[in-house]
N, C-alpha and C. Protein backbone atom coordinates (compact mmCIF):
# COMPACT_ATOMS: atom_id res chain seq x y z
N VAL A 1 4.64 -1.20 2.87
CA VAL A 1 4.31 0.10 3.41
C VAL A 1 3.21 0.73 2.55
N ASP A 2 3.53 1.09 1.26
CA ASP A 2 2.52 1.68 0.38
C ASP A 2 2.26 0.87 -0.89
N THR A 3 3.24 0.10 -1.34
CA THR A 3 3.13 -0.54 -2.65
C THR A 3 2.46 -1.91 -2.57
N PRO A 4 1.74 -2.30 -3.61
CA PRO A 4 1.06 -3.60 -3.59
C PRO A 4 2.01 -4.76 -3.87
N THR A 5 1.54 -5.96 -3.58
CA THR A 5 2.25 -7.19 -3.92
C THR A 5 1.27 -8.07 -4.71
N ALA A 6 1.75 -9.20 -5.18
CA ALA A 6 0.88 -10.14 -5.89
C ALA A 6 0.19 -11.12 -4.94
N GLU A 7 0.39 -10.96 -3.65
CA GLU A 7 -0.21 -11.86 -2.66
C GLU A 7 -1.70 -11.60 -2.51
N ILE A 8 -2.46 -12.67 -2.33
CA ILE A 8 -3.90 -12.61 -2.07
C ILE A 8 -4.16 -13.41 -0.79
N ALA A 9 -4.97 -12.87 0.10
CA ALA A 9 -5.32 -13.59 1.33
C ALA A 9 -6.18 -14.80 0.99
N PRO A 10 -6.25 -15.78 1.89
CA PRO A 10 -7.09 -16.96 1.63
C PRO A 10 -8.55 -16.58 1.40
N LEU A 11 -9.27 -17.46 0.71
CA LEU A 11 -10.68 -17.25 0.37
C LEU A 11 -11.52 -16.94 1.61
N ARG A 12 -12.46 -16.01 1.47
CA ARG A 12 -13.38 -15.56 2.52
C ARG A 12 -12.65 -14.96 3.72
N THR A 13 -11.53 -14.29 3.44
CA THR A 13 -10.79 -13.61 4.50
C THR A 13 -11.10 -12.12 4.45
N LEU A 14 -11.38 -11.55 5.61
CA LEU A 14 -11.56 -10.11 5.73
C LEU A 14 -10.30 -9.53 6.35
N GLY A 15 -9.68 -8.61 5.65
CA GLY A 15 -8.50 -7.94 6.17
C GLY A 15 -8.84 -6.52 6.57
N VAL A 16 -8.40 -6.10 7.73
CA VAL A 16 -8.63 -4.74 8.21
C VAL A 16 -7.27 -4.14 8.55
N THR A 17 -6.97 -3.00 7.94
CA THR A 17 -5.72 -2.30 8.20
C THR A 17 -6.05 -0.88 8.61
N THR A 18 -5.48 -0.45 9.70
CA THR A 18 -5.68 0.92 10.16
C THR A 18 -4.33 1.60 10.26
N ARG A 19 -4.27 2.80 9.74
CA ARG A 19 -3.01 3.54 9.70
C ARG A 19 -3.24 4.92 10.28
N MET A 20 -2.41 5.31 11.21
CA MET A 20 -2.49 6.64 11.80
C MET A 20 -1.41 7.51 11.19
N PHE A 21 -1.75 8.76 10.91
CA PHE A 21 -0.77 9.66 10.30
C PHE A 21 -0.89 11.05 10.91
N THR A 22 -0.18 12.01 10.35
CA THR A 22 -0.05 13.34 10.95
C THR A 22 -1.39 14.04 11.14
N GLN A 23 -1.42 14.95 12.10
CA GLN A 23 -2.56 15.81 12.41
C GLN A 23 -3.83 15.03 12.76
N GLY A 24 -3.64 13.91 13.46
CA GLY A 24 -4.79 13.14 13.94
C GLY A 24 -5.52 12.36 12.89
N GLY A 25 -4.88 12.08 11.76
CA GLY A 25 -5.53 11.35 10.68
C GLY A 25 -5.54 9.85 10.88
N VAL A 26 -6.58 9.20 10.39
CA VAL A 26 -6.70 7.74 10.43
C VAL A 26 -7.17 7.28 9.06
N LEU A 27 -6.47 6.32 8.50
CA LEU A 27 -6.83 5.72 7.22
C LEU A 27 -7.13 4.25 7.47
N SER A 28 -8.34 3.78 7.15
CA SER A 28 -8.74 2.40 7.39
C SER A 28 -9.05 1.70 6.08
N TYR A 29 -8.48 0.52 5.91
CA TYR A 29 -8.71 -0.33 4.73
C TYR A 29 -9.53 -1.55 5.15
N PHE A 30 -10.48 -1.93 4.31
CA PHE A 30 -11.25 -3.16 4.49
C PHE A 30 -11.11 -3.93 3.18
N ASP A 31 -10.65 -5.17 3.27
CA ASP A 31 -10.34 -5.95 2.08
C ASP A 31 -10.92 -7.35 2.26
N PHE A 32 -11.69 -7.83 1.26
CA PHE A 32 -12.33 -9.13 1.36
C PHE A 32 -11.96 -9.97 0.14
N THR A 33 -11.50 -11.19 0.39
CA THR A 33 -11.15 -12.11 -0.70
C THR A 33 -12.41 -12.87 -1.09
N VAL A 34 -12.99 -12.49 -2.23
CA VAL A 34 -14.27 -13.07 -2.65
C VAL A 34 -14.11 -14.33 -3.49
N LEU A 35 -12.98 -14.47 -4.18
CA LEU A 35 -12.65 -15.67 -4.95
C LEU A 35 -11.21 -16.04 -4.63
N ASP A 36 -10.77 -17.22 -5.05
CA ASP A 36 -9.40 -17.65 -4.76
C ASP A 36 -8.36 -16.65 -5.23
N ARG A 37 -8.65 -15.92 -6.30
CA ARG A 37 -7.66 -15.02 -6.89
C ARG A 37 -8.10 -13.56 -6.92
N LEU A 38 -9.22 -13.22 -6.30
CA LEU A 38 -9.76 -11.88 -6.41
C LEU A 38 -10.10 -11.30 -5.03
N SER A 39 -9.59 -10.11 -4.78
CA SER A 39 -9.96 -9.40 -3.55
C SER A 39 -10.56 -8.04 -3.92
N ILE A 40 -11.51 -7.61 -3.12
CA ILE A 40 -12.19 -6.33 -3.30
C ILE A 40 -12.11 -5.59 -1.97
N GLY A 41 -11.83 -4.29 -2.04
CA GLY A 41 -11.72 -3.54 -0.80
C GLY A 41 -12.07 -2.08 -0.97
N SER A 42 -12.12 -1.41 0.16
CA SER A 42 -12.38 0.02 0.19
C SER A 42 -11.58 0.61 1.34
N SER A 43 -11.28 1.90 1.22
CA SER A 43 -10.56 2.58 2.29
C SER A 43 -11.24 3.91 2.59
N PHE A 44 -11.12 4.33 3.84
CA PHE A 44 -11.77 5.54 4.32
C PHE A 44 -10.74 6.36 5.08
N THR A 45 -10.69 7.66 4.79
CA THR A 45 -9.76 8.56 5.46
C THR A 45 -10.53 9.53 6.34
N PHE A 46 -10.10 9.61 7.60
CA PHE A 46 -10.67 10.55 8.57
C PHE A 46 -9.56 11.51 8.98
N GLU A 47 -9.81 12.79 8.86
CA GLU A 47 -8.85 13.79 9.30
C GLU A 47 -9.26 14.32 10.67
N HIS A 48 -8.28 14.58 11.54
CA HIS A 48 -8.49 15.14 12.88
C HIS A 48 -9.35 14.23 13.75
N LEU A 49 -9.25 12.93 13.56
CA LEU A 49 -10.06 11.99 14.34
C LEU A 49 -9.49 11.75 15.73
N ILE A 50 -8.17 11.67 15.83
CA ILE A 50 -7.54 11.39 17.13
C ILE A 50 -6.67 12.58 17.53
N GLY A 51 -6.37 12.65 18.80
CA GLY A 51 -5.53 13.74 19.29
C GLY A 51 -6.35 14.79 20.01
N THR A 52 -5.67 15.88 20.36
CA THR A 52 -6.30 16.91 21.18
C THR A 52 -6.56 18.20 20.42
N ASN A 53 -6.52 18.16 19.08
CA ASN A 53 -6.76 19.40 18.34
C ASN A 53 -8.24 19.76 18.35
N ASP A 54 -8.52 20.99 18.02
CA ASP A 54 -9.90 21.49 18.02
C ASP A 54 -10.53 21.49 16.63
N GLU A 55 -9.84 20.91 15.65
CA GLU A 55 -10.35 20.88 14.29
C GLU A 55 -11.57 19.97 14.18
N LYS A 56 -12.45 20.29 13.25
CA LYS A 56 -13.63 19.47 12.99
C LYS A 56 -13.18 18.20 12.25
N ILE A 57 -13.75 17.06 12.61
CA ILE A 57 -13.42 15.80 11.94
C ILE A 57 -13.94 15.84 10.51
N LYS A 58 -13.07 15.48 9.56
CA LYS A 58 -13.45 15.45 8.15
C LYS A 58 -13.33 14.02 7.64
N ILE A 59 -14.32 13.59 6.87
CA ILE A 59 -14.30 12.28 6.24
C ILE A 59 -14.15 12.51 4.74
N LEU A 60 -13.08 11.97 4.16
CA LEU A 60 -12.85 12.12 2.73
C LEU A 60 -13.59 11.03 1.95
N ALA A 61 -13.73 11.23 0.65
CA ALA A 61 -14.43 10.26 -0.19
C ALA A 61 -13.74 8.90 -0.10
N PRO A 62 -14.49 7.81 0.02
CA PRO A 62 -13.88 6.48 0.09
C PRO A 62 -13.16 6.14 -1.21
N SER A 63 -12.20 5.24 -1.10
CA SER A 63 -11.43 4.79 -2.27
C SER A 63 -11.68 3.31 -2.50
N LEU A 64 -11.38 2.87 -3.70
CA LEU A 64 -11.64 1.50 -4.14
C LEU A 64 -10.34 0.74 -4.36
N GLN A 65 -10.31 -0.51 -3.95
CA GLN A 65 -9.17 -1.40 -4.22
C GLN A 65 -9.68 -2.72 -4.81
N LEU A 66 -9.07 -3.13 -5.90
CA LEU A 66 -9.34 -4.42 -6.54
C LEU A 66 -8.01 -5.07 -6.85
N LYS A 67 -7.91 -6.39 -6.67
CA LYS A 67 -6.69 -7.10 -7.07
C LYS A 67 -7.04 -8.49 -7.57
N PHE A 68 -6.47 -8.86 -8.72
CA PHE A 68 -6.68 -10.17 -9.33
C PHE A 68 -5.32 -10.80 -9.59
N ARG A 69 -5.06 -11.93 -8.93
CA ARG A 69 -3.81 -12.67 -9.14
C ARG A 69 -4.04 -13.63 -10.30
N PHE A 70 -3.40 -13.36 -11.43
CA PHE A 70 -3.68 -14.17 -12.62
C PHE A 70 -2.61 -15.21 -12.92
N TYR A 71 -1.49 -15.20 -12.20
CA TYR A 71 -0.45 -16.21 -12.42
C TYR A 71 0.25 -16.48 -11.09
N ASP A 72 0.42 -17.78 -10.78
CA ASP A 72 0.99 -18.15 -9.48
C ASP A 72 2.51 -18.23 -9.47
N GLY A 73 3.14 -18.04 -10.61
CA GLY A 73 4.59 -18.05 -10.65
C GLY A 73 5.16 -19.43 -10.90
N ALA A 74 6.44 -19.47 -11.21
CA ALA A 74 7.17 -20.71 -11.44
C ALA A 74 8.56 -20.53 -10.84
N GLU A 75 9.44 -21.48 -11.12
CA GLU A 75 10.77 -21.44 -10.49
C GLU A 75 11.52 -20.14 -10.76
N TYR A 76 11.45 -19.65 -12.00
CA TYR A 76 12.19 -18.44 -12.35
C TYR A 76 11.29 -17.26 -12.71
N VAL A 77 9.98 -17.44 -12.58
CA VAL A 77 9.04 -16.39 -12.97
C VAL A 77 8.22 -16.00 -11.74
N PRO A 78 8.04 -14.70 -11.48
CA PRO A 78 7.28 -14.29 -10.29
C PRO A 78 5.78 -14.54 -10.43
N ALA A 79 5.10 -14.61 -9.30
CA ALA A 79 3.64 -14.57 -9.30
C ALA A 79 3.23 -13.18 -9.78
N LEU A 80 2.12 -13.09 -10.52
CA LEU A 80 1.70 -11.81 -11.11
C LEU A 80 0.26 -11.49 -10.73
N ALA A 81 0.03 -10.20 -10.46
CA ALA A 81 -1.32 -9.72 -10.15
C ALA A 81 -1.51 -8.37 -10.82
N MET A 82 -2.77 -8.05 -11.11
CA MET A 82 -3.11 -6.73 -11.61
C MET A 82 -4.22 -6.18 -10.73
N GLY A 83 -4.29 -4.87 -10.66
CA GLY A 83 -5.30 -4.32 -9.77
C GLY A 83 -5.53 -2.84 -9.98
N PHE A 84 -6.33 -2.31 -9.10
CA PHE A 84 -6.67 -0.89 -9.11
C PHE A 84 -6.73 -0.41 -7.67
N ASP A 85 -6.14 0.76 -7.41
CA ASP A 85 -6.17 1.36 -6.08
C ASP A 85 -6.08 2.87 -6.25
N ASN A 86 -7.15 3.59 -5.90
CA ASN A 86 -7.11 5.04 -6.07
C ASN A 86 -7.00 5.79 -4.74
N GLN A 87 -6.48 5.10 -3.70
CA GLN A 87 -6.26 5.77 -2.41
C GLN A 87 -4.99 6.61 -2.48
N GLY A 88 -5.14 7.91 -2.33
CA GLY A 88 -3.99 8.81 -2.29
C GLY A 88 -3.63 9.16 -0.86
N PHE A 89 -2.61 9.99 -0.71
CA PHE A 89 -2.14 10.41 0.61
C PHE A 89 -1.95 11.93 0.61
N HIS A 90 -2.16 12.53 1.77
CA HIS A 90 -1.98 13.97 1.98
C HIS A 90 -2.94 14.78 1.11
N TYR A 91 -4.18 14.83 1.52
CA TYR A 91 -5.21 15.53 0.76
C TYR A 91 -5.04 17.04 0.91
N ASP A 92 -5.02 17.74 -0.22
CA ASP A 92 -4.92 19.20 -0.25
C ASP A 92 -6.32 19.76 -0.51
N HIS A 93 -6.94 20.34 0.50
CA HIS A 93 -8.32 20.83 0.38
C HIS A 93 -8.42 22.04 -0.55
N HIS A 94 -7.36 22.83 -0.68
CA HIS A 94 -7.40 23.98 -1.58
C HIS A 94 -7.40 23.55 -3.04
N ALA A 95 -6.58 22.53 -3.36
CA ALA A 95 -6.52 22.03 -4.74
C ALA A 95 -7.55 20.94 -5.00
N ASP A 96 -8.21 20.43 -3.94
CA ASP A 96 -9.21 19.37 -4.04
C ASP A 96 -8.64 18.10 -4.66
N LYS A 97 -7.43 17.72 -4.21
CA LYS A 97 -6.82 16.48 -4.67
C LYS A 97 -5.71 16.06 -3.72
N TYR A 98 -5.28 14.82 -3.87
CA TYR A 98 -4.18 14.30 -3.06
C TYR A 98 -2.85 14.77 -3.64
N THR A 99 -1.91 15.12 -2.75
CA THR A 99 -0.57 15.50 -3.23
C THR A 99 0.24 14.26 -3.62
N GLN A 100 -0.05 13.12 -2.99
CA GLN A 100 0.53 11.84 -3.41
C GLN A 100 -0.63 11.01 -3.95
N VAL A 101 -0.69 10.90 -5.26
CA VAL A 101 -1.84 10.25 -5.90
C VAL A 101 -1.80 8.74 -5.72
N GLY A 102 -2.95 8.10 -5.94
CA GLY A 102 -3.07 6.66 -5.78
C GLY A 102 -2.35 5.89 -6.88
N LYS A 103 -2.18 4.60 -6.66
CA LYS A 103 -1.51 3.74 -7.64
C LYS A 103 -2.27 3.69 -8.96
N GLY A 104 -3.59 3.76 -8.92
CA GLY A 104 -4.38 3.61 -10.14
C GLY A 104 -4.34 2.17 -10.60
N PHE A 105 -4.24 1.97 -11.91
CA PHE A 105 -4.11 0.62 -12.46
C PHE A 105 -2.66 0.17 -12.33
N TYR A 106 -2.44 -1.07 -11.87
CA TYR A 106 -1.08 -1.55 -11.69
C TYR A 106 -0.96 -3.03 -12.06
N ILE A 107 0.26 -3.42 -12.33
CA ILE A 107 0.63 -4.83 -12.46
C ILE A 107 1.87 -5.02 -11.60
N VAL A 108 1.89 -6.11 -10.84
CA VAL A 108 2.98 -6.33 -9.89
C VAL A 108 3.37 -7.80 -9.89
N GLY A 109 4.65 -8.05 -9.68
CA GLY A 109 5.18 -9.40 -9.53
C GLY A 109 5.71 -9.60 -8.13
N THR A 110 5.66 -10.84 -7.64
CA THR A 110 6.18 -11.17 -6.32
C THR A 110 7.01 -12.45 -6.44
N LYS A 111 8.25 -12.38 -5.95
CA LYS A 111 9.15 -13.53 -6.08
C LYS A 111 10.13 -13.57 -4.92
N GLU A 112 10.32 -14.75 -4.36
CA GLU A 112 11.37 -14.95 -3.36
C GLU A 112 12.70 -15.11 -4.10
N VAL A 113 13.72 -14.35 -3.69
CA VAL A 113 15.00 -14.36 -4.39
C VAL A 113 16.16 -14.50 -3.41
N PHE A 114 17.24 -15.10 -3.87
CA PHE A 114 18.53 -15.18 -3.18
C PHE A 114 18.50 -15.92 -1.85
N LEU A 115 17.66 -15.51 -0.89
CA LEU A 115 17.60 -16.12 0.44
C LEU A 115 16.17 -16.53 0.76
N PRO A 116 15.99 -17.58 1.56
CA PRO A 116 14.63 -17.87 2.02
C PRO A 116 14.09 -16.71 2.85
N GLY A 117 12.89 -16.24 2.52
CA GLY A 117 12.27 -15.14 3.25
C GLY A 117 12.51 -13.77 2.66
N LEU A 118 13.38 -13.66 1.63
CA LEU A 118 13.62 -12.37 0.97
C LEU A 118 12.72 -12.29 -0.27
N ILE A 119 11.76 -11.38 -0.24
CA ILE A 119 10.75 -11.28 -1.30
C ILE A 119 10.85 -9.91 -1.96
N VAL A 120 10.85 -9.91 -3.30
CA VAL A 120 10.93 -8.68 -4.07
C VAL A 120 9.64 -8.52 -4.88
N ASN A 121 9.13 -7.27 -4.95
CA ASN A 121 7.86 -6.98 -5.63
C ASN A 121 8.03 -5.79 -6.58
N PRO A 122 8.40 -6.00 -7.84
CA PRO A 122 8.46 -4.89 -8.80
C PRO A 122 7.11 -4.69 -9.47
N GLY A 123 6.82 -3.43 -9.87
CA GLY A 123 5.55 -3.19 -10.54
C GLY A 123 5.54 -1.91 -11.35
N LEU A 124 4.54 -1.83 -12.24
CA LEU A 124 4.28 -0.63 -13.04
C LEU A 124 2.85 -0.20 -12.79
N ASN A 125 2.60 1.12 -12.88
CA ASN A 125 1.24 1.60 -12.65
C ASN A 125 0.98 2.88 -13.44
N VAL A 126 -0.31 3.17 -13.62
CA VAL A 126 -0.77 4.44 -14.17
C VAL A 126 -1.50 5.13 -13.03
N THR A 127 -0.93 6.21 -12.51
CA THR A 127 -1.43 6.84 -11.29
C THR A 127 -2.84 7.40 -11.48
N ALA A 128 -3.56 7.49 -10.34
CA ALA A 128 -4.94 7.99 -10.36
C ALA A 128 -5.17 8.93 -9.20
N ASN A 129 -5.78 10.08 -9.51
CA ASN A 129 -6.26 10.98 -8.46
C ASN A 129 -7.78 10.90 -8.53
N GLY A 130 -8.36 10.12 -7.62
CA GLY A 130 -9.77 9.77 -7.75
C GLY A 130 -9.90 8.80 -8.91
N PHE A 131 -10.63 9.20 -9.95
CA PHE A 131 -10.73 8.40 -11.17
C PHE A 131 -10.15 9.14 -12.37
N GLU A 132 -9.28 10.12 -12.11
CA GLU A 132 -8.56 10.82 -13.17
C GLU A 132 -7.17 10.21 -13.28
N PHE A 133 -6.83 9.72 -14.47
CA PHE A 133 -5.57 9.01 -14.65
C PHE A 133 -4.53 9.96 -15.22
N ASP A 134 -3.28 9.75 -14.77
CA ASP A 134 -2.25 10.75 -15.04
C ASP A 134 -1.06 10.17 -15.77
N LYS A 135 -0.13 9.58 -15.06
CA LYS A 135 1.16 9.24 -15.65
C LYS A 135 1.55 7.79 -15.40
N LEU A 136 2.42 7.29 -16.26
CA LEU A 136 3.00 5.97 -16.08
C LEU A 136 4.10 6.08 -15.03
N SER A 137 4.10 5.18 -14.08
CA SER A 137 5.09 5.21 -13.02
C SER A 137 5.48 3.78 -12.68
N GLY A 138 6.26 3.62 -11.63
CA GLY A 138 6.69 2.31 -11.22
C GLY A 138 7.07 2.29 -9.76
N PHE A 139 7.31 1.08 -9.25
CA PHE A 139 7.69 0.90 -7.85
C PHE A 139 8.40 -0.43 -7.71
N ILE A 140 9.16 -0.54 -6.64
CA ILE A 140 9.78 -1.81 -6.28
C ILE A 140 9.90 -1.86 -4.77
N SER A 141 9.58 -3.01 -4.22
CA SER A 141 9.68 -3.17 -2.77
C SER A 141 10.35 -4.50 -2.46
N ALA A 142 10.87 -4.60 -1.25
CA ALA A 142 11.48 -5.85 -0.78
C ALA A 142 11.15 -6.00 0.68
N GLN A 143 11.00 -7.24 1.09
CA GLN A 143 10.81 -7.51 2.50
C GLN A 143 11.57 -8.78 2.86
N TYR A 144 12.13 -8.78 4.05
CA TYR A 144 12.85 -9.94 4.56
C TYR A 144 12.14 -10.42 5.81
N ASN A 145 11.59 -11.64 5.74
CA ASN A 145 10.79 -12.21 6.81
C ASN A 145 11.68 -13.11 7.67
N VAL A 146 11.74 -12.83 8.96
CA VAL A 146 12.54 -13.63 9.88
C VAL A 146 11.60 -14.50 10.71
N ARG A 147 11.46 -15.76 10.29
CA ARG A 147 10.71 -16.80 11.01
C ARG A 147 9.30 -16.39 11.41
N ASP A 148 8.64 -15.62 10.59
CA ASP A 148 7.28 -15.15 10.87
C ASP A 148 7.16 -14.45 12.22
N ILE A 149 8.27 -13.86 12.66
CA ILE A 149 8.27 -13.07 13.89
C ILE A 149 8.33 -11.59 13.55
N VAL A 150 9.19 -11.25 12.59
CA VAL A 150 9.37 -9.86 12.19
C VAL A 150 9.75 -9.82 10.71
N SER A 151 9.30 -8.77 10.02
CA SER A 151 9.69 -8.52 8.63
C SER A 151 10.27 -7.13 8.53
N PHE A 152 11.33 -7.01 7.75
CA PHE A 152 11.93 -5.71 7.46
C PHE A 152 11.55 -5.34 6.04
N MET A 153 10.97 -4.15 5.85
CA MET A 153 10.42 -3.75 4.56
C MET A 153 11.09 -2.47 4.08
N THR A 154 11.29 -2.38 2.77
CA THR A 154 11.76 -1.14 2.17
C THR A 154 11.18 -1.04 0.77
N GLU A 155 11.00 0.18 0.29
CA GLU A 155 10.46 0.35 -1.06
C GLU A 155 10.86 1.69 -1.65
N TRP A 156 10.89 1.68 -2.97
CA TRP A 156 11.10 2.89 -3.76
C TRP A 156 9.82 3.05 -4.57
N ASP A 157 9.08 4.12 -4.31
CA ASP A 157 7.73 4.28 -4.85
C ASP A 157 7.66 5.49 -5.77
N ASP A 158 6.82 5.38 -6.79
CA ASP A 158 6.50 6.50 -7.69
C ASP A 158 7.76 7.03 -8.37
N PHE A 159 8.50 6.13 -9.04
CA PHE A 159 9.77 6.58 -9.61
C PHE A 159 9.70 6.99 -11.07
N HIS A 160 8.58 7.60 -11.48
CA HIS A 160 8.53 8.20 -12.81
C HIS A 160 9.45 9.42 -12.87
N SER A 161 9.67 10.04 -11.72
CA SER A 161 10.55 11.20 -11.62
C SER A 161 11.35 11.05 -10.34
N ILE A 162 12.66 11.06 -10.44
CA ILE A 162 13.51 10.87 -9.26
C ILE A 162 13.20 11.93 -8.20
N ARG A 163 12.95 13.16 -8.63
CA ARG A 163 12.72 14.25 -7.69
C ARG A 163 11.46 14.04 -6.85
N HIS A 164 10.44 13.37 -7.42
CA HIS A 164 9.19 13.16 -6.71
C HIS A 164 9.05 11.74 -6.14
N SER A 165 10.02 10.88 -6.40
CA SER A 165 9.92 9.51 -5.90
C SER A 165 10.06 9.49 -4.37
N ARG A 166 9.59 8.41 -3.78
CA ARG A 166 9.59 8.30 -2.32
C ARG A 166 10.31 7.03 -1.89
N LEU A 167 11.09 7.15 -0.82
CA LEU A 167 11.70 6.00 -0.17
C LEU A 167 10.97 5.77 1.14
N ASN A 168 10.50 4.55 1.32
CA ASN A 168 9.76 4.18 2.53
C ASN A 168 10.38 2.92 3.13
N SER A 169 10.38 2.82 4.44
CA SER A 169 10.88 1.62 5.12
C SER A 169 10.03 1.36 6.34
N GLY A 170 10.08 0.12 6.80
CA GLY A 170 9.32 -0.21 7.99
C GLY A 170 9.67 -1.57 8.55
N VAL A 171 9.12 -1.84 9.70
CA VAL A 171 9.27 -3.12 10.38
C VAL A 171 7.87 -3.62 10.70
N ARG A 172 7.59 -4.88 10.39
CA ARG A 172 6.31 -5.51 10.74
C ARG A 172 6.57 -6.56 11.80
N ILE A 173 5.85 -6.45 12.92
CA ILE A 173 5.98 -7.40 14.02
C ILE A 173 4.72 -8.25 14.03
N TYR A 174 4.90 -9.58 13.91
CA TYR A 174 3.76 -10.50 13.89
C TYR A 174 3.41 -10.87 15.33
N ILE A 175 2.30 -10.33 15.83
CA ILE A 175 1.89 -10.58 17.21
C ILE A 175 1.17 -11.93 17.29
N THR A 176 0.27 -12.20 16.34
CA THR A 176 -0.36 -13.53 16.18
C THR A 176 -0.38 -13.81 14.68
N ASP A 177 -0.93 -14.97 14.30
CA ASP A 177 -1.05 -15.29 12.87
C ASP A 177 -1.96 -14.31 12.14
N ALA A 178 -2.91 -13.71 12.86
CA ALA A 178 -3.91 -12.84 12.24
C ALA A 178 -3.75 -11.37 12.61
N PHE A 179 -2.69 -11.02 13.35
CA PHE A 179 -2.54 -9.64 13.81
C PHE A 179 -1.08 -9.24 13.78
N SER A 180 -0.80 -8.10 13.13
CA SER A 180 0.57 -7.60 13.09
C SER A 180 0.57 -6.10 13.32
N LEU A 181 1.72 -5.59 13.71
CA LEU A 181 1.90 -4.18 13.97
C LEU A 181 3.04 -3.69 13.10
N ASP A 182 2.80 -2.63 12.32
CA ASP A 182 3.83 -2.03 11.47
C ASP A 182 4.27 -0.70 12.04
N VAL A 183 5.55 -0.45 11.97
CA VAL A 183 6.11 0.86 12.28
C VAL A 183 6.86 1.28 11.04
N ALA A 184 6.49 2.44 10.45
CA ALA A 184 7.04 2.81 9.15
C ALA A 184 7.53 4.25 9.14
N LEU A 185 8.49 4.48 8.29
CA LEU A 185 8.99 5.82 8.00
C LEU A 185 8.77 6.03 6.51
N ARG A 186 7.89 6.97 6.16
CA ARG A 186 7.52 7.22 4.77
C ARG A 186 8.20 8.47 4.24
N ASP A 187 8.55 8.41 2.97
CA ASP A 187 9.03 9.59 2.25
C ASP A 187 10.24 10.22 2.93
N TYR A 188 11.17 9.39 3.40
CA TYR A 188 12.29 9.93 4.16
C TYR A 188 13.38 10.56 3.30
N ASN A 189 13.25 10.49 1.98
CA ASN A 189 14.17 11.25 1.12
C ASN A 189 13.69 12.68 0.94
N HIS A 190 12.50 13.02 1.46
CA HIS A 190 11.98 14.39 1.46
C HIS A 190 11.66 14.77 2.89
N LYS A 191 10.41 14.96 3.19
CA LYS A 191 9.99 15.26 4.57
C LYS A 191 9.35 14.00 5.12
N ALA A 192 10.02 13.37 6.06
CA ALA A 192 9.61 12.06 6.55
C ALA A 192 8.30 12.13 7.32
N GLU A 193 7.51 11.04 7.19
CA GLU A 193 6.31 10.85 7.99
C GLU A 193 6.47 9.53 8.72
N ARG A 194 6.24 9.53 10.02
CA ARG A 194 6.35 8.30 10.80
C ARG A 194 4.96 7.75 11.07
């Protein structure tokens, strides 16, 4: 849903992710795997792009994503990646910053555990609002893949403070090998966003 994994797409793969959110917002990610272990991407947020509101369309500053998988894992050790992602959520124009800041610098592990198709991704990060770094935080996510038809996802994000942490869940439906549809419920321990 929101947290990274240690997975990297195959070499020379372009990934495009589009996410629709409240008040006609659209967030688009473009991610390109330039080396076997390195992906580079950018994301763009458009406010009031879709829907019937009369608000002027706003384009927020683009964000940067980098990920380097430096260890492929072993029988008892997860695959490991480090990266940077300064894409935040819910931009506050009065404060000129995101209310949910980006991951910033992170390290994440990915490991299949207990059952075939059950993958866990724990990680630590130093949050970033733009390029201003703030606090040490963490996250953990899990997904259960059922025969590459559907995945059930859940995560606990930004748990430096229980009061501000977020619980997110979703379902990913694999329509083809290269196209999937996610339906997610974000931040449902506070004010949920679908």
